[in-house]
């Protein structure tokens, strides 16, 4: 089974523009199958090591898939930094990740921003 086949339907990115509805700089949406972490394009200071440590624990201990969505220039950069910190923490297993770009827009102005989704797969 390929990595793309393991992605839940709710996390598959298509051609639609995704609305940015975050109320905070970073929001976490846990489900029974995965955890979705969204990072705003307006994010202020973010504790990357703390976030990556939490994700590391979820993927390793609970075998949960984690989706990291970064909106716009700043959110995309922070999402990649979180993924990079995860890679640095690897010891006994190697993460498998998928990367997708997509368009997102704030409902109030509708201007599209290029965004990224990184899905971290737990080891099989």
Protein backbone atom coordinates (compact mmCIF):
# COMPACT_ATOMS: atom_id res chain seq x y z
CA UNK A 1 0.00 0.00 0.00
CA UNK A 2 1.42 3.38 -0.98
CA UNK A 3 1.59 6.32 1.42
CA UNK A 4 -1.09 8.17 -0.56
CA UNK A 5 -3.46 5.21 -0.16
CA UNK A 6 -3.11 5.43 3.63
CA UNK A 7 -4.33 9.06 3.77
CA UNK A 8 -7.90 9.30 5.14
CA UNK A 9 -10.47 10.78 2.77
CA UNK A 10 -10.96 13.84 5.03
CA UNK A 11 -7.28 14.80 4.56
CA UNK A 12 -7.07 14.38 0.80
CA UNK A 13 -6.42 17.66 -0.94
CA UNK A 14 -8.24 18.34 -4.19
CA UNK A 15 -8.64 21.46 -6.33
CA UNK A 16 -11.01 23.26 -3.95
CA UNK A 17 -9.80 26.29 -2.02
CA UNK A 18 -9.73 25.55 1.71
CA UNK A 19 -11.14 28.25 4.00
CA UNK A 20 -8.91 29.45 6.84
CA UNK A 21 -11.12 29.50 9.93
CA UNK A 22 -8.52 29.49 12.72
CA UNK A 23 -9.27 31.57 15.79
CA UNK A 24 -5.79 31.01 17.30
CA UNK A 25 -2.28 30.93 15.79
CA UNK A 26 -2.18 27.14 16.18
CA UNK A 27 -5.13 24.80 16.58
CA UNK A 28 -5.26 21.04 17.10
CA UNK A 29 -8.18 18.88 15.97
CA UNK A 30 -7.92 15.28 17.25
CA UNK A 31 -9.97 12.46 15.70
CA UNK A 32 -9.92 8.72 16.26
CA UNK A 33 -7.74 8.16 13.14
CA UNK A 34 -5.46 11.19 13.05
CA UNK A 35 -4.55 14.52 14.61
CA UNK A 36 -4.79 17.68 12.50
CA UNK A 37 -2.49 20.57 13.46
CA UNK A 38 -3.17 23.85 11.66
CA UNK A 39 -0.79 26.81 11.74
CA UNK A 40 -2.07 30.25 10.81
CA UNK A 41 -0.40 32.57 8.33
CA UNK A 42 -0.63 35.19 11.12
CA UNK A 43 1.15 33.04 13.74
CA UNK A 44 3.32 34.84 16.26
CA UNK A 45 6.05 33.15 18.29
CA UNK A 46 5.68 29.37 18.23
CA UNK A 47 7.45 26.79 20.41
CA UNK A 48 8.55 24.39 17.63
CA UNK A 49 10.41 21.90 19.91
CA UNK A 50 7.35 21.54 22.18
CA UNK A 51 5.00 21.02 19.23
CA UNK A 52 7.28 18.47 17.57
CA UNK A 53 7.74 16.64 20.89
CA UNK A 54 3.96 16.30 21.27
CA UNK A 55 3.60 15.07 17.69
CA UNK A 56 6.49 12.65 18.18
CA UNK A 57 4.71 11.14 21.18
CA UNK A 58 1.41 10.81 19.30
CA UNK A 59 2.98 9.13 16.28
CA UNK A 60 5.31 6.83 18.21
CA UNK A 61 3.26 5.88 21.27
CA UNK A 62 -0.30 6.08 20.00
CA UNK A 63 0.42 5.15 16.37
CA UNK A 64 -1.64 8.11 15.17
CA UNK A 65 -1.25 9.80 11.83
CA UNK A 66 -0.59 13.55 12.14
CA UNK A 67 -1.48 16.12 9.50
CA UNK A 68 0.30 19.47 9.73
CA UNK A 69 -1.28 22.26 7.69
CA UNK A 70 0.53 25.54 7.34
CA UNK A 71 -1.33 28.44 5.76
CA UNK A 72 0.47 31.10 3.76
CA UNK A 73 4.14 31.99 3.85
CA UNK A 74 4.61 31.98 7.62
CA UNK A 75 2.40 28.98 8.36
CA UNK A 76 4.06 26.92 5.62
CA UNK A 77 7.51 27.71 6.95
CA UNK A 78 6.50 26.77 10.50
CA UNK A 79 4.93 23.50 9.27
CA UNK A 80 8.17 22.56 7.52
CA UNK A 81 10.15 23.43 10.67
CA UNK A 82 7.90 21.13 12.75
CA UNK A 83 8.47 18.32 10.20
CA UNK A 84 12.24 19.01 10.31
CA UNK A 85 12.28 18.78 14.13
CA UNK A 86 10.46 15.45 13.90
CA UNK A 87 13.11 14.12 11.53
CA UNK A 88 15.86 15.23 13.94
CA UNK A 89 14.19 13.29 16.79
CA UNK A 90 14.22 9.96 14.94
CA UNK A 91 16.06 7.25 16.79
CA UNK A 92 14.60 3.78 16.32
CA UNK A 93 12.27 4.31 13.37
CA UNK A 94 11.96 6.51 10.31
CA UNK A 95 8.92 8.66 9.72
CA UNK A 96 7.23 8.51 6.37
CA UNK A 97 5.74 11.80 5.24
CA UNK A 98 3.68 13.08 2.34
CA UNK A 99 3.70 16.72 1.23
CA UNK A 100 0.96 18.53 -0.70
CA UNK A 101 0.47 22.16 -1.56
CA UNK A 102 -2.96 23.73 -1.85
CA UNK A 103 -4.73 27.08 -2.03
CA UNK A 104 -6.41 28.51 1.06
CA UNK A 105 -8.26 31.76 1.66
CA UNK A 106 -9.58 33.77 4.57
CA UNK A 107 -13.35 34.10 4.32
CA UNK A 108 -13.30 37.86 5.03
CA UNK A 109 -11.15 38.90 2.05
CA UNK A 110 -11.01 35.76 -0.13
CA UNK A 111 -7.40 36.32 -1.21
CA UNK A 112 -5.78 32.93 -1.92
CA UNK A 113 -2.56 31.95 -0.16
CA UNK A 114 -0.40 28.98 -1.10
CA UNK A 115 -0.32 26.52 1.78
CA UNK A 116 1.19 23.14 2.62
CA UNK A 117 -0.04 19.92 4.23
CA UNK A 118 2.47 17.45 5.64
CA UNK A 119 1.14 14.09 6.78
CA UNK A 120 3.34 12.14 9.18
CA UNK A 121 2.65 8.40 9.02
CA UNK A 122 3.21 6.15 12.01
CA UNK A 123 5.52 3.18 11.45
CA UNK A 124 3.73 0.07 10.22
